[in-house]
Amino acid sequence: MHKDKINQLLEVLNESFQGLPWHGESLMDKLNRIDYRIVNIAPVPTINSVARLVHHIINWRIFVIEKIKGNDAFDIEMNSQNDWTDLHIETEKDWADLIQKLVNTQKEIFELLNIKTDDFLETPVYGRKYNIQRLIKGITQHDIYHQGQIAVVAKQAALKG
């Protein structure tokens, strides 16, 4: 039962999510330092708020989870409500709940992949031109990309807030 590739992918995903990534702060370290009172602020009308960016990350992690489960029917239409969900954080608990929802996606991805072997990574993602391995690499890159946006938006929102 070979799991070398899966273990490597999970290590990289975990490092950027809550470890000590080469690029600097992990996603969770960044989110845990953001004051909930600024997460709804979009410093420029065409820019997403921190809360909206976090929910977008969650939405695409749910896509990954569904594809790992083999759910061919699940999809996200780009620029739809399922891609960019409107939400408003009212309280510190709302912010904590959103972050917990993100953490839960991390746990579920790990649980699902930990029972698979490396052969599973070659499974095509229905309706896409890539396989599960590319999907896992992609969600890691997606998280990092939006983490950079979160850092910039949070800094700007703090100045406005």
N, C-alpha and C. Protein backbone atom coordinates (compact mmCIF):
# COMPACT_ATOMS: atom_id res chain seq x y z
N MET A 1 0.85 -1.19 0.00
CA MET A 1 0.00 0.00 0.00
C MET A 1 0.89 1.24 0.00
N HIS A 2 1.06 1.84 -1.17
CA HIS A 2 1.92 3.01 -1.30
C HIS A 2 1.14 4.28 -1.02
N LYS A 3 1.71 5.10 -0.14
CA LYS A 3 1.09 6.37 0.22
C LYS A 3 2.12 7.49 0.23
N ASP A 4 3.26 7.30 -0.44
CA ASP A 4 4.31 8.32 -0.42
C ASP A 4 3.84 9.64 -1.03
N LYS A 5 3.19 9.57 -2.19
CA LYS A 5 2.72 10.80 -2.86
C LYS A 5 1.63 11.49 -2.05
N ILE A 6 0.71 10.69 -1.54
CA ILE A 6 -0.36 11.28 -0.72
C ILE A 6 0.23 11.95 0.51
N ASN A 7 1.13 11.28 1.16
CA ASN A 7 1.76 11.86 2.36
C ASN A 7 2.50 13.16 2.04
N GLN A 8 3.17 13.21 0.89
CA GLN A 8 3.87 14.44 0.49
C GLN A 8 2.88 15.57 0.23
N LEU A 9 1.79 15.26 -0.48
CA LEU A 9 0.78 16.28 -0.76
C LEU A 9 0.16 16.81 0.53
N LEU A 10 -0.14 15.89 1.44
CA LEU A 10 -0.75 16.31 2.71
C LEU A 10 0.23 17.13 3.55
N GLU A 11 1.49 16.79 3.48
CA GLU A 11 2.49 17.56 4.22
C GLU A 11 2.57 19.00 3.73
N VAL A 12 2.57 19.18 2.42
CA VAL A 12 2.62 20.52 1.84
C VAL A 12 1.33 21.29 2.17
N LEU A 13 0.19 20.62 2.04
CA LEU A 13 -1.08 21.25 2.36
C LEU A 13 -1.13 21.69 3.82
N ASN A 14 -0.67 20.82 4.71
CA ASN A 14 -0.69 21.13 6.13
C ASN A 14 0.30 22.24 6.48
N GLU A 15 1.47 22.21 5.85
CA GLU A 15 2.49 23.22 6.14
C GLU A 15 1.97 24.62 5.79
N SER A 16 1.35 24.78 4.64
CA SER A 16 0.83 26.10 4.28
C SER A 16 -0.40 26.47 5.10
N PHE A 17 -1.15 25.47 5.53
CA PHE A 17 -2.38 25.72 6.29
C PHE A 17 -2.10 26.10 7.74
N GLN A 18 -1.21 25.34 8.41
CA GLN A 18 -1.00 25.61 9.84
C GLN A 18 0.41 25.32 10.32
N GLY A 19 1.34 25.20 9.38
CA GLY A 19 2.71 24.90 9.75
C GLY A 19 3.61 26.11 9.63
N LEU A 20 4.83 25.85 9.19
CA LEU A 20 5.82 26.90 9.00
C LEU A 20 6.24 26.93 7.53
N PRO A 21 5.39 27.49 6.66
CA PRO A 21 5.69 27.47 5.23
C PRO A 21 6.85 28.39 4.88
N TRP A 22 7.50 28.06 3.79
CA TRP A 22 8.64 28.84 3.33
C TRP A 22 8.23 30.27 3.03
N HIS A 23 7.01 30.47 2.53
CA HIS A 23 6.56 31.80 2.13
C HIS A 23 6.23 32.71 3.30
N GLY A 24 6.29 32.20 4.52
CA GLY A 24 6.02 33.04 5.70
C GLY A 24 4.97 32.44 6.60
N GLU A 25 4.01 33.25 6.96
CA GLU A 25 2.96 32.87 7.89
C GLU A 25 1.98 31.86 7.27
N SER A 26 1.52 30.91 8.07
CA SER A 26 0.51 29.96 7.59
C SER A 26 -0.85 30.66 7.51
N LEU A 27 -1.76 30.04 6.78
CA LEU A 27 -3.10 30.59 6.65
C LEU A 27 -3.76 30.74 8.02
N MET A 28 -3.68 29.71 8.86
CA MET A 28 -4.33 29.79 10.18
C MET A 28 -3.68 30.83 11.08
N ASP A 29 -2.37 30.95 11.03
CA ASP A 29 -1.71 32.00 11.82
C ASP A 29 -2.22 33.37 11.40
N LYS A 30 -2.34 33.57 10.09
CA LYS A 30 -2.83 34.85 9.57
C LYS A 30 -4.27 35.10 10.03
N LEU A 31 -5.14 34.12 9.85
CA LEU A 31 -6.55 34.32 10.19
C LEU A 31 -6.75 34.53 11.68
N ASN A 32 -5.98 33.83 12.50
CA ASN A 32 -6.14 33.96 13.95
C ASN A 32 -5.69 35.31 14.48
N ARG A 33 -4.97 36.07 13.66
CA ARG A 33 -4.52 37.40 14.10
C ARG A 33 -5.43 38.53 13.58
N ILE A 34 -6.44 38.18 12.81
CA ILE A 34 -7.32 39.21 12.24
C ILE A 34 -8.50 39.46 13.17
N ASP A 35 -8.73 40.72 13.45
CA ASP A 35 -9.84 41.15 14.31
C ASP A 35 -11.15 40.99 13.54
N TYR A 36 -12.11 40.32 14.14
CA TYR A 36 -13.39 40.06 13.47
C TYR A 36 -14.09 41.36 13.05
N ARG A 37 -13.80 42.46 13.71
CA ARG A 37 -14.49 43.71 13.40
C ARG A 37 -14.10 44.30 12.05
N ILE A 38 -13.05 43.77 11.42
CA ILE A 38 -12.64 44.30 10.11
C ILE A 38 -12.90 43.32 8.96
N VAL A 39 -13.39 42.13 9.26
CA VAL A 39 -13.46 41.10 8.22
C VAL A 39 -14.54 41.34 7.16
N ASN A 40 -15.45 42.27 7.41
CA ASN A 40 -16.49 42.59 6.43
C ASN A 40 -16.11 43.77 5.54
N ILE A 41 -15.04 44.45 5.88
CA ILE A 41 -14.65 45.67 5.16
C ILE A 41 -13.99 45.30 3.83
N ALA A 42 -14.53 45.85 2.76
CA ALA A 42 -13.91 45.76 1.44
C ALA A 42 -13.32 47.15 1.18
N PRO A 43 -12.01 47.30 1.35
CA PRO A 43 -11.38 48.62 1.27
C PRO A 43 -11.63 49.36 -0.05
N VAL A 44 -11.83 48.60 -1.11
CA VAL A 44 -12.15 49.14 -2.43
C VAL A 44 -13.38 48.35 -2.91
N PRO A 45 -14.35 49.01 -3.50
CA PRO A 45 -15.59 48.32 -3.88
C PRO A 45 -15.40 47.06 -4.72
N THR A 46 -14.37 46.98 -5.52
CA THR A 46 -14.17 45.81 -6.39
C THR A 46 -13.35 44.71 -5.73
N ILE A 47 -12.99 44.88 -4.47
CA ILE A 47 -12.18 43.90 -3.75
C ILE A 47 -13.05 43.17 -2.74
N ASN A 48 -12.83 41.88 -2.60
CA ASN A 48 -13.58 41.09 -1.62
C ASN A 48 -13.08 41.34 -0.21
N SER A 49 -13.99 41.22 0.75
CA SER A 49 -13.63 41.33 2.16
C SER A 49 -12.87 40.08 2.59
N VAL A 50 -12.24 40.14 3.75
CA VAL A 50 -11.55 38.98 4.31
C VAL A 50 -12.54 37.84 4.50
N ALA A 51 -13.71 38.13 5.05
CA ALA A 51 -14.71 37.09 5.29
C ALA A 51 -15.12 36.41 3.99
N ARG A 52 -15.32 37.19 2.96
CA ARG A 52 -15.72 36.63 1.67
C ARG A 52 -14.60 35.78 1.07
N LEU A 53 -13.36 36.23 1.22
CA LEU A 53 -12.21 35.45 0.74
C LEU A 53 -12.10 34.12 1.47
N VAL A 54 -12.29 34.15 2.79
CA VAL A 54 -12.22 32.91 3.57
C VAL A 54 -13.32 31.95 3.13
N HIS A 55 -14.52 32.47 2.94
CA HIS A 55 -15.61 31.59 2.52
C HIS A 55 -15.36 31.02 1.13
N HIS A 56 -14.74 31.80 0.26
CA HIS A 56 -14.38 31.33 -1.08
C HIS A 56 -13.38 30.16 -0.97
N ILE A 57 -12.41 30.28 -0.08
CA ILE A 57 -11.46 29.19 0.15
C ILE A 57 -12.22 27.93 0.61
N ILE A 58 -13.14 28.12 1.54
CA ILE A 58 -13.95 27.00 2.04
C ILE A 58 -14.74 26.35 0.89
N ASN A 59 -15.37 27.18 0.06
CA ASN A 59 -16.18 26.65 -1.05
C ASN A 59 -15.35 25.73 -1.95
N TRP A 60 -14.14 26.13 -2.27
CA TRP A 60 -13.32 25.31 -3.16
C TRP A 60 -12.74 24.09 -2.46
N ARG A 61 -12.57 24.18 -1.16
CA ARG A 61 -12.16 23.00 -0.40
C ARG A 61 -13.31 21.99 -0.35
N ILE A 62 -14.53 22.47 -0.29
CA ILE A 62 -15.70 21.58 -0.36
C ILE A 62 -15.74 20.90 -1.73
N PHE A 63 -15.41 21.64 -2.78
CA PHE A 63 -15.31 21.05 -4.11
C PHE A 63 -14.31 19.89 -4.09
N VAL A 64 -13.15 20.10 -3.49
CA VAL A 64 -12.12 19.06 -3.38
C VAL A 64 -12.67 17.85 -2.62
N ILE A 65 -13.31 18.10 -1.50
CA ILE A 65 -13.87 17.02 -0.69
C ILE A 65 -14.87 16.20 -1.51
N GLU A 66 -15.75 16.88 -2.19
CA GLU A 66 -16.76 16.17 -2.99
C GLU A 66 -16.12 15.35 -4.11
N LYS A 67 -15.08 15.88 -4.71
CA LYS A 67 -14.40 15.14 -5.79
C LYS A 67 -13.64 13.94 -5.24
N ILE A 68 -13.03 14.08 -4.08
CA ILE A 68 -12.36 12.93 -3.45
C ILE A 68 -13.38 11.85 -3.14
N LYS A 69 -14.57 12.26 -2.72
CA LYS A 69 -15.64 11.31 -2.42
C LYS A 69 -16.22 10.68 -3.68
N GLY A 70 -15.85 11.20 -4.84
CA GLY A 70 -16.37 10.65 -6.09
C GLY A 70 -17.69 11.25 -6.53
N ASN A 71 -18.05 12.39 -5.99
CA ASN A 71 -19.32 13.04 -6.33
C ASN A 71 -19.16 13.78 -7.66
N ASP A 72 -19.48 13.09 -8.75
CA ASP A 72 -19.35 13.68 -10.08
C ASP A 72 -20.36 14.79 -10.33
N ALA A 73 -21.48 14.78 -9.63
CA ALA A 73 -22.54 15.77 -9.86
C ALA A 73 -22.21 17.12 -9.24
N PHE A 74 -21.34 17.14 -8.23
CA PHE A 74 -21.04 18.41 -7.55
C PHE A 74 -20.14 19.27 -8.42
N ASP A 75 -20.50 20.54 -8.55
CA ASP A 75 -19.67 21.48 -9.29
C ASP A 75 -19.87 22.88 -8.72
N ILE A 76 -18.96 23.75 -9.05
CA ILE A 76 -19.08 25.16 -8.69
C ILE A 76 -18.94 25.96 -9.98
N GLU A 77 -19.94 26.76 -10.25
CA GLU A 77 -19.88 27.64 -11.41
C GLU A 77 -19.08 28.87 -11.02
N MET A 78 -18.10 29.20 -11.84
CA MET A 78 -17.25 30.35 -11.56
C MET A 78 -18.10 31.62 -11.41
N ASN A 79 -17.73 32.44 -10.43
CA ASN A 79 -18.36 33.73 -10.16
C ASN A 79 -19.84 33.62 -9.78
N SER A 80 -20.24 32.45 -9.28
CA SER A 80 -21.60 32.25 -8.79
C SER A 80 -21.61 32.44 -7.27
N GLN A 81 -22.80 32.34 -6.69
CA GLN A 81 -22.94 32.41 -5.24
C GLN A 81 -22.18 31.27 -4.56
N ASN A 82 -22.10 30.11 -5.23
CA ASN A 82 -21.36 28.98 -4.66
C ASN A 82 -19.85 29.18 -4.74
N ASP A 83 -19.40 30.08 -5.59
CA ASP A 83 -17.99 30.41 -5.73
C ASP A 83 -17.65 31.54 -4.75
N TRP A 84 -18.38 32.62 -4.83
CA TRP A 84 -18.18 33.80 -3.97
C TRP A 84 -19.45 34.03 -3.17
N THR A 85 -19.48 33.48 -1.98
CA THR A 85 -20.67 33.54 -1.13
C THR A 85 -20.75 34.88 -0.40
N ASP A 86 -21.93 35.49 -0.45
CA ASP A 86 -22.16 36.71 0.31
C ASP A 86 -22.40 36.33 1.76
N LEU A 87 -21.73 37.00 2.67
CA LEU A 87 -21.95 36.78 4.09
C LEU A 87 -21.54 38.01 4.86
N HIS A 88 -22.01 38.09 6.07
CA HIS A 88 -21.66 39.22 6.94
C HIS A 88 -21.38 38.67 8.33
N ILE A 89 -20.22 38.93 8.82
CA ILE A 89 -19.82 38.49 10.16
C ILE A 89 -20.26 39.56 11.17
N GLU A 90 -21.10 39.15 12.11
CA GLU A 90 -21.64 40.09 13.10
C GLU A 90 -20.86 40.08 14.41
N THR A 91 -20.39 38.90 14.79
CA THR A 91 -19.79 38.76 16.12
C THR A 91 -18.46 38.00 16.04
N GLU A 92 -17.75 38.03 17.14
CA GLU A 92 -16.51 37.27 17.23
C GLU A 92 -16.79 35.78 17.06
N LYS A 93 -17.94 35.33 17.57
CA LYS A 93 -18.33 33.93 17.42
C LYS A 93 -18.59 33.58 15.95
N ASP A 94 -19.21 34.49 15.21
CA ASP A 94 -19.42 34.25 13.77
C ASP A 94 -18.08 34.04 13.07
N TRP A 95 -17.10 34.86 13.41
CA TRP A 95 -15.76 34.76 12.81
C TRP A 95 -15.11 33.43 13.22
N ALA A 96 -15.22 33.09 14.48
CA ALA A 96 -14.66 31.82 14.96
C ALA A 96 -15.34 30.63 14.27
N ASP A 97 -16.65 30.73 14.06
CA ASP A 97 -17.38 29.66 13.38
C ASP A 97 -16.93 29.50 11.93
N LEU A 98 -16.68 30.63 11.26
CA LEU A 98 -16.21 30.57 9.88
C LEU A 98 -14.82 29.92 9.82
N ILE A 99 -13.96 30.31 10.72
CA ILE A 99 -12.62 29.71 10.76
C ILE A 99 -12.72 28.22 11.09
N GLN A 100 -13.61 27.85 11.99
CA GLN A 100 -13.79 26.43 12.32
C GLN A 100 -14.29 25.65 11.12
N LYS A 101 -15.15 26.26 10.33
CA LYS A 101 -15.63 25.60 9.12
C LYS A 101 -14.45 25.33 8.18
N LEU A 102 -13.53 26.27 8.10
CA LEU A 102 -12.32 26.08 7.29
C LEU A 102 -11.47 24.94 7.85
N VAL A 103 -11.27 24.94 9.16
CA VAL A 103 -10.50 23.87 9.82
C VAL A 103 -11.15 22.51 9.56
N ASN A 104 -12.47 22.47 9.59
CA ASN A 104 -13.18 21.21 9.35
C ASN A 104 -12.92 20.68 7.94
N THR A 105 -12.78 21.59 6.96
CA THR A 105 -12.47 21.12 5.61
C THR A 105 -11.08 20.50 5.57
N GLN A 106 -10.15 21.07 6.31
CA GLN A 106 -8.79 20.52 6.36
C GLN A 106 -8.83 19.11 6.95
N LYS A 107 -9.54 18.97 8.05
CA LYS A 107 -9.66 17.65 8.69
C LYS A 107 -10.28 16.63 7.75
N GLU A 108 -11.33 17.05 7.04
CA GLU A 108 -12.02 16.10 6.16
C GLU A 108 -11.15 15.69 4.97
N ILE A 109 -10.43 16.64 4.40
CA ILE A 109 -9.52 16.29 3.30
C ILE A 109 -8.49 15.27 3.78
N PHE A 110 -7.93 15.49 4.97
CA PHE A 110 -6.94 14.57 5.52
C PHE A 110 -7.55 13.19 5.78
N GLU A 111 -8.73 13.17 6.38
CA GLU A 111 -9.38 11.89 6.68
C GLU A 111 -9.66 11.10 5.40
N LEU A 112 -10.13 11.79 4.37
CA LEU A 112 -10.46 11.12 3.11
C LEU A 112 -9.22 10.61 2.40
N LEU A 113 -8.16 11.40 2.39
CA LEU A 113 -6.95 10.98 1.67
C LEU A 113 -6.12 9.96 2.46
N ASN A 114 -6.21 9.99 3.77
CA ASN A 114 -5.44 9.05 4.59
C ASN A 114 -5.87 7.60 4.39
N ILE A 115 -7.05 7.38 3.86
CA ILE A 115 -7.51 6.00 3.63
C ILE A 115 -7.29 5.57 2.18
N LYS A 116 -6.68 6.45 1.38
CA LYS A 116 -6.43 6.15 -0.03
C LYS A 116 -4.96 5.76 -0.24
N THR A 117 -4.69 5.18 -1.40
CA THR A 117 -3.31 4.89 -1.79
C THR A 117 -2.92 5.83 -2.93
N ASP A 118 -1.64 5.83 -3.26
CA ASP A 118 -1.14 6.73 -4.30
C ASP A 118 -1.85 6.53 -5.63
N ASP A 119 -2.29 5.32 -5.93
CA ASP A 119 -3.00 5.06 -7.19
C ASP A 119 -4.23 5.96 -7.34
N PHE A 120 -4.87 6.27 -6.22
CA PHE A 120 -6.07 7.11 -6.24
C PHE A 120 -5.78 8.48 -6.84
N LEU A 121 -4.57 8.96 -6.67
CA LEU A 121 -4.21 10.30 -7.16
C LEU A 121 -4.35 10.43 -8.67
N GLU A 122 -4.31 9.31 -9.38
CA GLU A 122 -4.43 9.33 -10.84
C GLU A 122 -5.88 9.38 -11.31
N THR A 123 -6.82 9.30 -10.37
CA THR A 123 -8.24 9.32 -10.71
C THR A 123 -8.60 10.65 -11.37
N PRO A 124 -9.20 10.61 -12.56
CA PRO A 124 -9.61 11.86 -13.21
C PRO A 124 -10.73 12.54 -12.42
N VAL A 125 -10.71 13.86 -12.41
CA VAL A 125 -11.79 14.64 -11.80
C VAL A 125 -12.84 14.84 -12.89
N TYR A 126 -14.03 14.30 -12.66
CA TYR A 126 -15.09 14.34 -13.65
C TYR A 126 -15.37 15.78 -14.08
N GLY A 127 -15.43 15.97 -15.39
CA GLY A 127 -15.77 17.28 -15.93
C GLY A 127 -14.60 18.24 -15.99
N ARG A 128 -13.43 17.80 -15.58
CA ARG A 128 -12.22 18.65 -15.59
C ARG A 128 -11.13 17.95 -16.37
N LYS A 129 -10.08 18.68 -16.68
CA LYS A 129 -8.98 18.11 -17.46
C LYS A 129 -7.78 17.82 -16.56
N TYR A 130 -8.05 17.35 -15.35
CA TYR A 130 -6.98 17.02 -14.42
C TYR A 130 -7.42 15.90 -13.50
N ASN A 131 -6.45 15.39 -12.73
CA ASN A 131 -6.72 14.29 -11.81
C ASN A 131 -6.70 14.77 -10.36
N ILE A 132 -6.92 13.85 -9.45
CA ILE A 132 -6.98 14.19 -8.01
C ILE A 132 -5.66 14.78 -7.53
N GLN A 133 -4.54 14.26 -8.01
CA GLN A 133 -3.24 14.80 -7.57
C GLN A 133 -3.14 16.29 -7.93
N ARG A 134 -3.50 16.64 -9.15
CA ARG A 134 -3.45 18.05 -9.56
C ARG A 134 -4.45 18.88 -8.75
N LEU A 135 -5.58 18.30 -8.43
CA LEU A 135 -6.59 18.98 -7.62
C LEU A 135 -6.04 19.33 -6.24
N ILE A 136 -5.34 18.39 -5.61
CA ILE A 136 -4.79 18.64 -4.26
C ILE A 136 -3.67 19.68 -4.34
N LYS A 137 -2.82 19.57 -5.34
CA LYS A 137 -1.79 20.60 -5.52
C LYS A 137 -2.45 21.96 -5.76
N GLY A 138 -3.50 21.94 -6.55
CA GLY A 138 -4.20 23.18 -6.88
C GLY A 138 -4.85 23.85 -5.68
N ILE A 139 -5.45 23.06 -4.79
CA ILE A 139 -6.12 23.69 -3.64
C ILE A 139 -5.08 24.29 -2.70
N THR A 140 -3.91 23.68 -2.62
CA THR A 140 -2.84 24.26 -1.81
C THR A 140 -2.42 25.61 -2.40
N GLN A 141 -2.24 25.65 -3.71
CA GLN A 141 -1.86 26.90 -4.37
C GLN A 141 -2.98 27.94 -4.24
N HIS A 142 -4.21 27.50 -4.36
CA HIS A 142 -5.37 28.38 -4.23
C HIS A 142 -5.40 29.03 -2.84
N ASP A 143 -5.19 28.23 -1.81
CA ASP A 143 -5.15 28.75 -0.43
C ASP A 143 -4.07 29.82 -0.29
N ILE A 144 -2.87 29.53 -0.80
CA ILE A 144 -1.75 30.47 -0.68
C ILE A 144 -2.05 31.76 -1.43
N TYR A 145 -2.58 31.63 -2.62
CA TYR A 145 -2.92 32.80 -3.43
C TYR A 145 -3.88 33.72 -2.67
N HIS A 146 -4.96 33.15 -2.15
CA HIS A 146 -5.94 33.97 -1.45
C HIS A 146 -5.45 34.42 -0.09
N GLN A 147 -4.53 33.69 0.51
CA GLN A 147 -3.93 34.15 1.77
C GLN A 147 -3.21 35.47 1.54
N GLY A 148 -2.53 35.60 0.42
CA GLY A 148 -1.87 36.86 0.09
C GLY A 148 -2.88 37.99 -0.03
N GLN A 149 -4.01 37.72 -0.66
CA GLN A 149 -5.06 38.73 -0.77
C GLN A 149 -5.61 39.08 0.62
N ILE A 150 -5.80 38.06 1.44
CA ILE A 150 -6.31 38.29 2.80
C ILE A 150 -5.37 39.21 3.56
N ALA A 151 -4.07 39.00 3.44
CA ALA A 151 -3.10 39.83 4.15
C ALA A 151 -3.22 41.29 3.72
N VAL A 152 -3.32 41.53 2.42
CA VAL A 152 -3.41 42.90 1.90
C VAL A 152 -4.74 43.54 2.32
N VAL A 153 -5.84 42.81 2.13
CA VAL A 153 -7.17 43.34 2.45
C VAL A 153 -7.28 43.62 3.95
N ALA A 154 -6.77 42.73 4.77
CA ALA A 154 -6.84 42.92 6.23
C ALA A 154 -6.06 44.17 6.64
N LYS A 155 -4.91 44.36 6.05
CA LYS A 155 -4.11 45.55 6.38
C LYS A 155 -4.85 46.83 5.97
N GLN A 156 -5.42 46.84 4.78
CA GLN A 156 -6.17 48.00 4.31
C GLN A 156 -7.45 48.21 5.13
N ALA A 157 -8.13 47.12 5.46
CA ALA A 157 -9.37 47.22 6.24
C ALA A 157 -9.08 47.75 7.64
N ALA A 158 -7.96 47.35 8.23
CA ALA A 158 -7.60 47.84 9.56
C ALA A 158 -7.39 49.35 9.54
N LEU A 159 -6.85 49.86 8.46
CA LEU A 159 -6.66 51.30 8.34
C LEU A 159 -7.99 52.04 8.20
N LYS A 160 -8.96 51.40 7.54
CA LYS A 160 -10.29 52.01 7.36
C LYS A 160 -11.18 51.80 8.58
N GLY A 161 -10.96 50.67 9.25
CA GLY A 161 -11.83 50.28 10.36
C GLY A 161 -11.64 51.14 11.53
